[in-house]
Amino acid sequence: MTRDATPARDVWRRLEPIHSVAYFAPEALGALGELGYKGFWMGYFAGRAAPLGPVGPEIVGALFYNFAPTRVAKALPEAWTIAGPDAALDARRRGAARALRRMLGDAADGAELTEAAELAATAARSAPSDGRALFAANAALDWPTEPLDVLWHAATLLREHRGDGHVALLTSLGLSGRESNVLQVAAGNVPRSMIERARDYDDAEWTAVVGRLVERGLLGGDGSLTDDGAALRAELEERTDALALSAYDVLDDQELDRLTRLLTPITAAVVAAGDIPEATPMGPTLQSGD
């Protein structure tokens, strides 16, 4: 019997906010800023790319997939002349841990967080790395020892594992990163204004991307999903869940359910802190009221 892949999505929606404090929490932004990185985006690209070593914009653009090349090139390789990957990794971890400790309070040292960290780490340690460059780069890093740090590191590994699989599927379906951004907007996952700002679109590029998707029959003339577009989106998400599920093969159904339950109040506290936007280009995550 094929295992239901839905739990892989449920866990991801809880892990994504835990990981994302590294991008949005003031402690994380401050730690990267103290290294001398210039602005949000240089810190973002340096921090997330640091496990790969001092790579340039071509590699990062290919792996991150949906950013404008000019945006990546504004940050890399200049960031490495300011502070190298090891410094970026240390700052990212320290900033994330400080943010999570503020958000979780006493629960940061609780038995349930420790159990969640152990289960998530078990999955992350066993997840297959075939074809998953960002996951593999993070998996090669030394594991921390403190439960809060372990949880954040495991969340990072599991989200990059899922993300690598998602990018592989986009590629197999012939969808560029820029086209995937526009499809996210058409599906109602994020506002157009946010995607345009966060992924550097002007009207001309947006119109050109929409035009390509209209030609393929995935969008209508008004920019909304066609039946074929909706079907492709559904296929993409289902197959992403199925690929992501491989990370949890080591956990039985009861352990996977337990991980989901343990993560729920942790994620709720992270979301309630208000640092992470309710809608981001990274995709839907657990929000207040879920």
C-alpha atoms as a PDB file:
ATOM      1  CA  MET A   1       0.000   0.000   0.000  1.00  0.00           C
ATOM      2  CA  THR A   2       1.305   3.432  -0.939  1.00  0.00           C
ATOM      3  CA  ARG A   3       1.786   5.660   2.092  1.00  0.00           C
ATOM      4  CA  ASP A   4      -0.361   8.791   2.259  1.00  0.00           C
ATOM      5  CA  ALA A   5       1.852  11.788   1.474  1.00  0.00           C
ATOM      6  CA  THR A   6      -0.417  14.346   3.181  1.00  0.00           C
ATOM      7  CA  PRO A   7       1.562  14.260   6.458  1.00  0.00           C
ATOM      8  CA  ALA A   8       4.646  15.474   4.591  1.00  0.00           C
ATOM      9  CA  ARG A   9       2.778  18.690   3.786  1.00  0.00           C
ATOM     10  CA  ASP A  10       1.420  18.973   7.329  1.00  0.00           C
ATOM     11  CA  VAL A  11       4.915  18.738   8.801  1.00  0.00           C
ATOM     12  CA  TRP A  12       6.327  21.198   6.246  1.00  0.00           C
ATOM     13  CA  ARG A  13       3.712  23.807   7.091  1.00  0.00           C
ATOM     14  CA  ARG A  14       4.847  23.599  10.702  1.00  0.00           C
ATOM     15  CA  LEU A  15       8.565  23.484  10.009  1.00  0.00           C
ATOM     16  CA  GLU A  16       8.627  26.387   7.532  1.00  0.00           C
ATOM     17  CA  PRO A  17       7.953  29.141  10.106  1.00  0.00           C
ATOM     18  CA  ILE A  18      10.541  27.629  12.465  1.00  0.00           C
ATOM     19  CA  HIS A  19      13.137  27.751   9.710  1.00  0.00           C
ATOM     20  CA  SER A  20      11.993  31.149   8.447  1.00  0.00           C
ATOM     21  CA  VAL A  21      12.919  33.043  11.611  1.00  0.00           C
ATOM     22  CA  ALA A  22      16.393  33.076  10.032  1.00  0.00           C
ATOM     23  CA  TYR A  23      15.058  35.462   7.365  1.00  0.00           C
ATOM     24  CA  PHE A  24      12.632  37.674   9.243  1.00  0.00           C
ATOM     25  CA  ALA A  25      13.334  37.788  12.989  1.00  0.00           C
ATOM     26  CA  PRO A  26      15.246  40.856  14.203  1.00  0.00           C
ATOM     27  CA  GLU A  27      17.784  38.698  16.058  1.00  0.00           C
ATOM     28  CA  ALA A  28      18.684  36.875  12.852  1.00  0.00           C
ATOM     29  CA  LEU A  29      18.761  40.022  10.742  1.00  0.00           C
ATOM     30  CA  GLY A  30      20.903  41.702  13.382  1.00  0.00           C
ATOM     31  CA  ALA A  31      23.405  38.850  13.553  1.00  0.00           C
ATOM     32  CA  LEU A  32      23.921  38.940   9.784  1.00  0.00           C
ATOM     33  CA  GLY A  33      23.989  42.728   9.742  1.00  0.00           C
ATOM     34  CA  GLU A  34      26.739  42.780  12.369  1.00  0.00           C
ATOM     35  CA  LEU A  35      28.972  40.956   9.899  1.00  0.00           C
ATOM     36  CA  GLY A  36      28.690  43.939   7.589  1.00  0.00           C
ATOM     37  CA  TYR A  37      26.307  42.548   4.980  1.00  0.00           C
ATOM     38  CA  LYS A  38      24.462  45.324   3.191  1.00  0.00           C
ATOM     39  CA  GLY A  39      20.722  45.089   3.596  1.00  0.00           C
ATOM     40  CA  PHE A  40      18.213  42.265   3.803  1.00  0.00           C
ATOM     41  CA  TRP A  41      19.003  40.542   0.522  1.00  0.00           C
ATOM     42  CA  MET A  42      22.755  40.295   0.933  1.00  0.00           C
ATOM     43  CA  GLY A  43      22.202  38.702   4.327  1.00  0.00           C
ATOM     44  CA  TYR A  44      19.555  36.384   2.891  1.00  0.00           C
ATOM     45  CA  PHE A  45      21.679  35.098   0.026  1.00  0.00           C
ATOM     46  CA  ALA A  46      24.842  34.837   2.130  1.00  0.00           C
ATOM     47  CA  GLY A  47      23.094  33.023   4.958  1.00  0.00           C
ATOM     48  CA  ARG A  48      21.149  30.565   2.861  1.00  0.00           C
ATOM     49  CA  ALA A  49      23.976  29.916   0.385  1.00  0.00           C
ATOM     50  CA  ALA A  50      26.712  29.617   3.030  1.00  0.00           C
ATOM     51  CA  PRO A  51      26.501  25.794   3.290  1.00  0.00           C
ATOM     52  CA  LEU A  52      27.573  25.672  -0.371  1.00  0.00           C
ATOM     53  CA  GLY A  53      30.790  27.588   0.280  1.00  0.00           C
ATOM     54  CA  PRO A  54      31.816  30.865  -1.434  1.00  0.00           C
ATOM     55  CA  VAL A  55      29.724  30.244  -4.546  1.00  0.00           C
ATOM     56  CA  GLY A  56      28.803  32.839  -7.126  1.00  0.00           C
ATOM     57  CA  PRO A  57      25.455  34.111  -8.394  1.00  0.00           C
ATOM     58  CA  GLU A  58      25.156  31.562 -11.192  1.00  0.00           C
ATOM     59  CA  ILE A  59      25.055  28.567  -8.842  1.00  0.00           C
ATOM     60  CA  VAL A  60      22.844  30.284  -6.298  1.00  0.00           C
ATOM     61  CA  GLY A  61      20.453  31.514  -8.972  1.00  0.00           C
ATOM     62  CA  ALA A  62      20.162  28.003 -10.386  1.00  0.00           C
ATOM     63  CA  LEU A  63      19.489  26.348  -7.026  1.00  0.00           C
ATOM     64  CA  PHE A  64      17.248  29.025  -5.506  1.00  0.00           C
ATOM     65  CA  TYR A  65      15.454  29.004  -8.866  1.00  0.00           C
ATOM     66  CA  ASN A  66      12.981  31.880  -8.849  1.00  0.00           C
ATOM     67  CA  PHE A  67      15.031  35.020  -8.196  1.00  0.00           C
ATOM     68  CA  ALA A  68      15.952  37.629 -10.766  1.00  0.00           C
ATOM     69  CA  PRO A  69      19.625  37.091 -11.729  1.00  0.00           C
ATOM     70  CA  THR A  70      20.329  40.776 -11.143  1.00  0.00           C
ATOM     71  CA  ARG A  71      19.105  40.462  -7.552  1.00  0.00           C
ATOM     72  CA  VAL A  72      21.455  37.579  -6.776  1.00  0.00           C
ATOM     73  CA  ALA A  73      24.388  39.306  -8.482  1.00  0.00           C
ATOM     74  CA  LYS A  74      23.943  42.374  -6.261  1.00  0.00           C
ATOM     75  CA  ALA A  75      24.693  40.195  -3.222  1.00  0.00           C
ATOM     76  CA  LEU A  76      27.167  37.592  -4.438  1.00  0.00           C
ATOM     77  CA  PRO A  77      30.101  37.277  -4.610  1.00  0.00           C
ATOM     78  CA  GLU A  78      30.546  40.634  -2.840  1.00  0.00           C
ATOM     79  CA  ALA A  79      29.169  39.198   0.402  1.00  0.00           C
ATOM     80  CA  TRP A  80      32.113  36.816   0.668  1.00  0.00           C
ATOM     81  CA  THR A  81      34.550  39.738   0.612  1.00  0.00           C
ATOM     82  CA  ILE A  82      32.772  41.110   3.688  1.00  0.00           C
ATOM     83  CA  ALA A  83      32.358  37.897   5.686  1.00  0.00           C
ATOM     84  CA  GLY A  84      32.892  34.342   4.510  1.00  0.00           C
ATOM     85  CA  PRO A  85      30.503  31.382   4.602  1.00  0.00           C
ATOM     86  CA  ASP A  86      31.630  30.129   8.019  1.00  0.00           C
ATOM     87  CA  ALA A  87      30.846  33.491   9.596  1.00  0.00           C
ATOM     88  CA  ALA A  88      27.479  33.596   7.821  1.00  0.00           C
ATOM     89  CA  LEU A  89      26.602  30.113   9.054  1.00  0.00           C
ATOM     90  CA  ASP A  90      27.477  30.983  12.635  1.00  0.00           C
ATOM     91  CA  ALA A  91      25.495  34.223  12.528  1.00  0.00           C
ATOM     92  CA  ARG A  92      22.466  32.535  10.981  1.00  0.00           C
ATOM     93  CA  ARG A  93      22.350  29.804  13.609  1.00  0.00           C
ATOM     94  CA  ARG A  94      22.910  32.192  16.512  1.00  0.00           C
ATOM     95  CA  GLY A  95      20.279  34.602  15.269  1.00  0.00           C
ATOM     96  CA  ALA A  96      17.714  31.854  14.698  1.00  0.00           C
ATOM     97  CA  ALA A  97      18.292  30.371  18.155  1.00  0.00           C
ATOM     98  CA  ARG A  98      17.933  33.745  19.853  1.00  0.00           C
ATOM     99  CA  ALA A  99      14.732  34.452  17.982  1.00  0.00           C
ATOM    100  CA  LEU A 100      13.197  31.073  18.776  1.00  0.00           C
ATOM    101  CA  ARG A 101      14.117  31.388  22.446  1.00  0.00           C
ATOM    102  CA  ARG A 102      12.360  34.740  22.640  1.00  0.00           C
ATOM    103  CA  MET A 103       9.302  33.411  20.845  1.00  0.00           C
ATOM    104  CA  LEU A 104       8.991  30.163  22.815  1.00  0.00           C
ATOM    105  CA  GLY A 105       9.973  31.288  26.307  1.00  0.00           C
ATOM    106  CA  ASP A 106      10.180  28.409  28.778  1.00  0.00           C
ATOM    107  CA  ALA A 107       8.994  25.973  26.102  1.00  0.00           C
ATOM    108  CA  ALA A 108      12.382  26.375  24.397  1.00  0.00           C
ATOM    109  CA  ASP A 109      13.830  24.133  27.107  1.00  0.00           C
ATOM    110  CA  GLY A 110      10.805  21.860  27.469  1.00  0.00           C
ATOM    111  CA  ALA A 111      10.571  18.102  27.069  1.00  0.00           C
ATOM    112  CA  GLU A 112       8.147  18.381  24.149  1.00  0.00           C
ATOM    113  CA  LEU A 113      10.495  20.561  22.125  1.00  0.00           C
ATOM    114  CA  THR A 114      13.329  18.117  22.821  1.00  0.00           C
ATOM    115  CA  GLU A 115      11.161  15.235  21.598  1.00  0.00           C
ATOM    116  CA  ALA A 116      10.145  17.172  18.488  1.00  0.00           C
ATOM    117  CA  ALA A 117      13.794  17.974  17.787  1.00  0.00           C
ATOM    118  CA  GLU A 118      14.755  14.307  18.129  1.00  0.00           C
ATOM    119  CA  LEU A 119      12.034  13.118  15.758  1.00  0.00           C
ATOM    120  CA  ALA A 120      12.756  15.848  13.190  1.00  0.00           C
ATOM    121  CA  ALA A 121      16.482  15.123  13.386  1.00  0.00           C
ATOM    122  CA  THR A 122      15.872  11.407  12.890  1.00  0.00           C
ATOM    123  CA  ALA A 123      14.018  12.208   9.674  1.00  0.00           C
ATOM    124  CA  ALA A 124      16.556  14.779   8.486  1.00  0.00           C
ATOM    125  CA  ARG A 125      19.520  12.468   9.095  1.00  0.00           C
ATOM    126  CA  SER A 126      17.945   9.677   7.025  1.00  0.00           C
ATOM    127  CA  ALA A 127      16.513  11.724   4.150  1.00  0.00           C
ATOM    128  CA  PRO A 128      17.903  10.804   0.721  1.00  0.00           C
ATOM    129  CA  SER A 129      20.227  13.376  -0.811  1.00  0.00           C
ATOM    130  CA  ASP A 130      20.142  12.167  -4.435  1.00  0.00           C
ATOM    131  CA  GLY A 131      19.823  15.206  -6.709  1.00  0.00           C
ATOM    132  CA  ARG A 132      19.252  17.563  -3.780  1.00  0.00           C
ATOM    133  CA  ALA A 133      22.186  19.950  -3.706  1.00  0.00           C
ATOM    134  CA  LEU A 134      20.931  22.459  -1.117  1.00  0.00           C
ATOM    135  CA  PHE A 135      19.837  19.697   1.221  1.00  0.00           C
ATOM    136  CA  ALA A 136      23.132  17.858   0.813  1.00  0.00           C
ATOM    137  CA  ALA A 137      25.150  21.005   1.522  1.00  0.00           C
ATOM    138  CA  ASN A 138      23.243  21.579   4.755  1.00  0.00           C
ATOM    139  CA  ALA A 139      23.417  17.889   5.661  1.00  0.00           C
ATOM    140  CA  ALA A 140      27.216  18.066   5.454  1.00  0.00           C
ATOM    141  CA  LEU A 141      27.331  20.623   8.281  1.00  0.00           C
ATOM    142  CA  ASP A 142      28.061  19.567  11.856  1.00  0.00           C
ATOM    143  CA  TRP A 143      24.993  18.917  13.943  1.00  0.00           C
ATOM    144  CA  PRO A 144      24.427  21.174  16.964  1.00  0.00           C
ATOM    145  CA  THR A 145      23.785  19.650  20.368  1.00  0.00           C
ATOM    146  CA  GLU A 146      21.264  21.942  22.067  1.00  0.00           C
ATOM    147  CA  PRO A 147      17.671  20.804  21.383  1.00  0.00           C
ATOM    148  CA  LEU A 148      16.547  24.230  20.168  1.00  0.00           C
ATOM    149  CA  ASP A 149      19.449  24.385  17.721  1.00  0.00           C
ATOM    150  CA  VAL A 150      18.801  20.793  16.659  1.00  0.00           C
ATOM    151  CA  LEU A 151      15.174  21.621  15.882  1.00  0.00           C
ATOM    152  CA  TRP A 152      16.092  24.629  13.756  1.00  0.00           C
ATOM    153  CA  HIS A 153      18.793  22.709  11.887  1.00  0.00           C
ATOM    154  CA  ALA A 154      16.438  19.790  11.242  1.00  0.00           C
ATOM    155  CA  ALA A 155      13.730  22.186  10.050  1.00  0.00           C
ATOM    156  CA  THR A 156      16.257  23.739   7.667  1.00  0.00           C
ATOM    157  CA  LEU A 157      17.323  20.374   6.283  1.00  0.00           C
ATOM    158  CA  LEU A 158      13.777  19.133   5.779  1.00  0.00           C
ATOM    159  CA  ARG A 159      12.584  22.321   4.078  1.00  0.00           C
ATOM    160  CA  GLU A 160      15.552  22.369   1.712  1.00  0.00           C
ATOM    161  CA  HIS A 161      14.979  18.673   0.995  1.00  0.00           C
ATOM    162  CA  ARG A 162      11.396  19.445   0.032  1.00  0.00           C
ATOM    163  CA  GLY A 163      12.444  22.531  -1.904  1.00  0.00           C
ATOM    164  CA  ASP A 164      15.032  20.672  -3.952  1.00  0.00           C
ATOM    165  CA  GLY A 165      12.407  18.116  -4.927  1.00  0.00           C
ATOM    166  CA  HIS A 166       9.954  20.868  -5.817  1.00  0.00           C
ATOM    167  CA  VAL A 167      12.494  22.553  -8.107  1.00  0.00           C
ATOM    168  CA  ALA A 168      13.240  19.237  -9.803  1.00  0.00           C
ATOM    169  CA  LEU A 169       9.539  18.802 -10.525  1.00  0.00           C
ATOM    170  CA  LEU A 170       9.196  22.339 -11.850  1.00  0.00           C
ATOM    171  CA  THR A 171      12.063  21.646 -14.197  1.00  0.00           C
ATOM    172  CA  SER A 172      10.533  18.355 -15.350  1.00  0.00           C
ATOM    173  CA  LEU A 173       7.257  20.142 -16.070  1.00  0.00           C
ATOM    174  CA  GLY A 174       9.037  22.816 -18.094  1.00  0.00           C
ATOM    175  CA  LEU A 175       8.240  25.625 -15.671  1.00  0.00           C
ATOM    176  CA  SER A 176      10.867  28.259 -15.026  1.00  0.00           C
ATOM    177  CA  GLY A 177      11.270  29.830 -11.626  1.00  0.00           C
ATOM    178  CA  ARG A 178       9.771  33.058 -12.895  1.00  0.00           C
ATOM    179  CA  GLU A 179       6.759  31.216 -14.293  1.00  0.00           C
ATOM    180  CA  SER A 180       6.291  29.408 -10.995  1.00  0.00           C
ATOM    181  CA  ASN A 181       6.098  32.788  -9.228  1.00  0.00           C
ATOM    182  CA  VAL A 182       3.294  33.951 -11.491  1.00  0.00           C
ATOM    183  CA  LEU A 183       1.447  30.657 -11.052  1.00  0.00           C
ATOM    184  CA  GLN A 184       1.630  31.093  -7.277  1.00  0.00           C
ATOM    185  CA  VAL A 185      -0.132  34.424  -7.635  1.00  0.00           C
ATOM    186  CA  ALA A 186      -2.734  32.985 -10.006  1.00  0.00           C
ATOM    187  CA  ALA A 187      -3.410  30.194  -7.494  1.00  0.00           C
ATOM    188  CA  GLY A 188      -4.059  32.783  -4.778  1.00  0.00           C
ATOM    189  CA  ASN A 189      -1.132  31.751  -2.589  1.00  0.00           C
ATOM    190  CA  VAL A 190       0.516  35.176  -2.462  1.00  0.00           C
ATOM    191  CA  PRO A 191      -0.433  38.685  -3.596  1.00  0.00           C
ATOM    192  CA  ARG A 192       1.012  39.908  -6.872  1.00  0.00           C
ATOM    193  CA  SER A 193       2.358  43.003  -5.144  1.00  0.00           C
ATOM    194  CA  MET A 194       4.440  40.872  -2.786  1.00  0.00           C
ATOM    195  CA  ILE A 195       5.881  38.698  -5.551  1.00  0.00           C
ATOM    196  CA  GLU A 196       6.693  41.745  -7.675  1.00  0.00           C
ATOM    197  CA  ARG A 197       8.532  43.350  -4.780  1.00  0.00           C
ATOM    198  CA  ALA A 198      10.249  40.245  -3.382  1.00  0.00           C
ATOM    199  CA  ARG A 199      11.247  38.776  -6.742  1.00  0.00           C
ATOM    200  CA  ASP A 200      11.952  41.983  -8.688  1.00  0.00           C
ATOM    201  CA  TYR A 201       9.419  42.081 -11.496  1.00  0.00           C
ATOM    202  CA  ASP A 202       8.618  45.097 -13.591  1.00  0.00           C
ATOM    203  CA  ASP A 203       5.444  45.344 -15.662  1.00  0.00           C
ATOM    204  CA  ALA A 204       7.213  44.272 -18.842  1.00  0.00           C
ATOM    205  CA  GLU A 205       8.577  41.034 -17.395  1.00  0.00           C
ATOM    206  CA  TRP A 206       5.327  40.213 -15.635  1.00  0.00           C
ATOM    207  CA  THR A 207       3.396  40.666 -18.862  1.00  0.00           C
ATOM    208  CA  ALA A 208       5.902  38.523 -20.764  1.00  0.00           C
ATOM    209  CA  VAL A 209       5.717  35.675 -18.241  1.00  0.00           C
ATOM    210  CA  VAL A 210       1.925  35.769 -18.186  1.00  0.00           C
ATOM    211  CA  GLY A 211       1.967  35.685 -21.986  1.00  0.00           C
ATOM    212  CA  ARG A 212       4.058  32.496 -22.014  1.00  0.00           C
ATOM    213  CA  LEU A 213       1.703  30.809 -19.570  1.00  0.00           C
ATOM    214  CA  VAL A 214      -1.331  31.901 -21.614  1.00  0.00           C
ATOM    215  CA  GLU A 215       0.264  30.361 -24.711  1.00  0.00           C
ATOM    216  CA  ARG A 216       0.648  27.085 -22.841  1.00  0.00           C
ATOM    217  CA  GLY A 217      -2.988  27.172 -21.809  1.00  0.00           C
ATOM    218  CA  LEU A 218      -2.182  27.409 -18.109  1.00  0.00           C
ATOM    219  CA  LEU A 219      -3.566  30.928 -17.627  1.00  0.00           C
ATOM    220  CA  GLY A 220      -6.521  32.690 -19.168  1.00  0.00           C
ATOM    221  CA  GLY A 221      -6.322  36.126 -20.710  1.00  0.00           C
ATOM    222  CA  ASP A 222      -7.252  37.669 -17.351  1.00  0.00           C
ATOM    223  CA  GLY A 223      -4.319  35.971 -15.638  1.00  0.00           C
ATOM    224  CA  SER A 224      -6.397  33.385 -13.789  1.00  0.00           C
ATOM    225  CA  LEU A 225      -5.689  29.651 -13.786  1.00  0.00           C
ATOM    226  CA  THR A 226      -7.335  27.625 -16.522  1.00  0.00           C
ATOM    227  CA  ASP A 227      -8.519  24.084 -15.817  1.00  0.00           C
ATOM    228  CA  ASP A 228      -5.212  22.832 -17.232  1.00  0.00           C
ATOM    229  CA  GLY A 229      -3.319  25.274 -15.043  1.00  0.00           C
ATOM    230  CA  ALA A 230      -5.192  24.191 -11.935  1.00  0.00           C
ATOM    231  CA  ALA A 231      -4.586  20.543 -12.800  1.00  0.00           C
ATOM    232  CA  LEU A 232      -0.868  21.163 -13.270  1.00  0.00           C
ATOM    233  CA  ARG A 233      -0.672  23.010  -9.962  1.00  0.00           C
ATOM    234  CA  ALA A 234      -2.426  20.140  -8.195  1.00  0.00           C
ATOM    235  CA  GLU A 235      -0.087  17.618  -9.799  1.00  0.00           C
ATOM    236  CA  LEU A 236       2.935  19.664  -8.804  1.00  0.00           C
ATOM    237  CA  GLU A 237       1.876  19.875  -5.153  1.00  0.00           C
ATOM    238  CA  GLU A 238       0.904  16.196  -4.935  1.00  0.00           C
ATOM    239  CA  ARG A 239       4.190  15.066  -6.445  1.00  0.00           C
ATOM    240  CA  THR A 240       6.137  17.462  -4.209  1.00  0.00           C
ATOM    241  CA  ASP A 241       4.461  15.910  -1.173  1.00  0.00           C
ATOM    242  CA  ALA A 242       5.255  12.425  -2.461  1.00  0.00           C
ATOM    243  CA  LEU A 243       8.943  13.256  -2.972  1.00  0.00           C
ATOM    244  CA  ALA A 244       9.156  14.995   0.417  1.00  0.00           C
ATOM    245  CA  LEU A 245       7.664  11.955   2.130  1.00  0.00           C
ATOM    246  CA  SER A 246      10.902  10.046   1.489  1.00  0.00           C
ATOM    247  CA  ALA A 247      12.481  12.065   4.301  1.00  0.00           C
ATOM    248  CA  TYR A 248      10.035  10.507   6.757  1.00  0.00           C
ATOM    249  CA  ASP A 249      10.360   6.862   5.739  1.00  0.00           C
ATOM    250  CA  VAL A 250      12.344   6.270   8.916  1.00  0.00           C
ATOM    251  CA  LEU A 251       9.347   7.349  11.038  1.00  0.00           C
ATOM    252  CA  ASP A 252       6.265   5.162  11.346  1.00  0.00           C
ATOM    253  CA  ASP A 253       2.781   6.666  11.093  1.00  0.00           C
ATOM    254  CA  GLN A 254       2.481   7.134  14.843  1.00  0.00           C
ATOM    255  CA  GLU A 255       5.844   8.892  15.075  1.00  0.00           C
ATOM    256  CA  LEU A 256       5.020  11.146  12.146  1.00  0.00           C
ATOM    257  CA  ASP A 257       1.689  12.053  13.713  1.00  0.00           C
ATOM    258  CA  ARG A 258       3.442  12.680  17.015  1.00  0.00           C
ATOM    259  CA  LEU A 259       5.927  15.004  15.310  1.00  0.00           C
ATOM    260  CA  THR A 260       3.062  16.964  13.735  1.00  0.00           C
ATOM    261  CA  ARG A 261       1.312  17.308  17.089  1.00  0.00           C
ATOM    262  CA  LEU A 262       4.470  18.364  18.897  1.00  0.00           C
ATOM    263  CA  LEU A 263       5.307  20.971  16.285  1.00  0.00           C
ATOM    264  CA  THR A 264       1.838  22.552  16.259  1.00  0.00           C
ATOM    265  CA  PRO A 265       2.112  24.629  19.488  1.00  0.00           C
ATOM    266  CA  ILE A 266       5.760  25.460  18.753  1.00  0.00           C
ATOM    267  CA  THR A 267       4.873  26.825  15.339  1.00  0.00           C
ATOM    268  CA  ALA A 268       1.817  28.618  16.708  1.00  0.00           C
ATOM    269  CA  ALA A 269       4.055  30.490  19.142  1.00  0.00           C
ATOM    270  CA  VAL A 270       6.502  31.396  16.363  1.00  0.00           C
ATOM    271  CA  VAL A 271       3.690  32.692  14.171  1.00  0.00           C
ATOM    272  CA  ALA A 272       2.092  34.585  17.056  1.00  0.00           C
ATOM    273  CA  ALA A 273       5.320  36.538  17.563  1.00  0.00           C
ATOM    274  CA  GLY A 274       4.469  38.380  14.342  1.00  0.00           C
ATOM    275  CA  ASP A 275       7.897  38.476  12.701  1.00  0.00           C
ATOM    276  CA  ILE A 276       7.014  36.233   9.749  1.00  0.00           C
ATOM    277  CA  PRO A 277       4.650  37.680   7.120  1.00  0.00           C
ATOM    278  CA  GLU A 278       1.369  35.818   6.708  1.00  0.00           C
ATOM    279  CA  ALA A 279       2.049  35.377   3.003  1.00  0.00           C
ATOM    280  CA  THR A 280       5.528  34.882   1.600  1.00  0.00           C
ATOM    281  CA  PRO A 281       6.896  33.690  -1.748  1.00  0.00           C
ATOM    282  CA  MET A 282       8.156  30.602   0.104  1.00  0.00           C
ATOM    283  CA  GLY A 283       4.624  29.240   0.119  1.00  0.00           C
ATOM    284  CA  PRO A 284       1.744  28.634   2.534  1.00  0.00           C
ATOM    285  CA  THR A 285       2.682  27.881   6.131  1.00  0.00           C
ATOM    286  CA  LEU A 286       0.786  27.306   9.335  1.00  0.00           C
ATOM    287  CA  GLN A 287      -0.811  30.547  10.430  1.00  0.00           C
ATOM    288  CA  SER A 288      -2.884  31.614  13.382  1.00  0.00           C
ATOM    289  CA  GLY A 289      -6.264  29.943  13.271  1.00  0.00           C
ATOM    290  CA  ASP A 290      -5.043  26.810  11.406  1.00  0.00           C
END
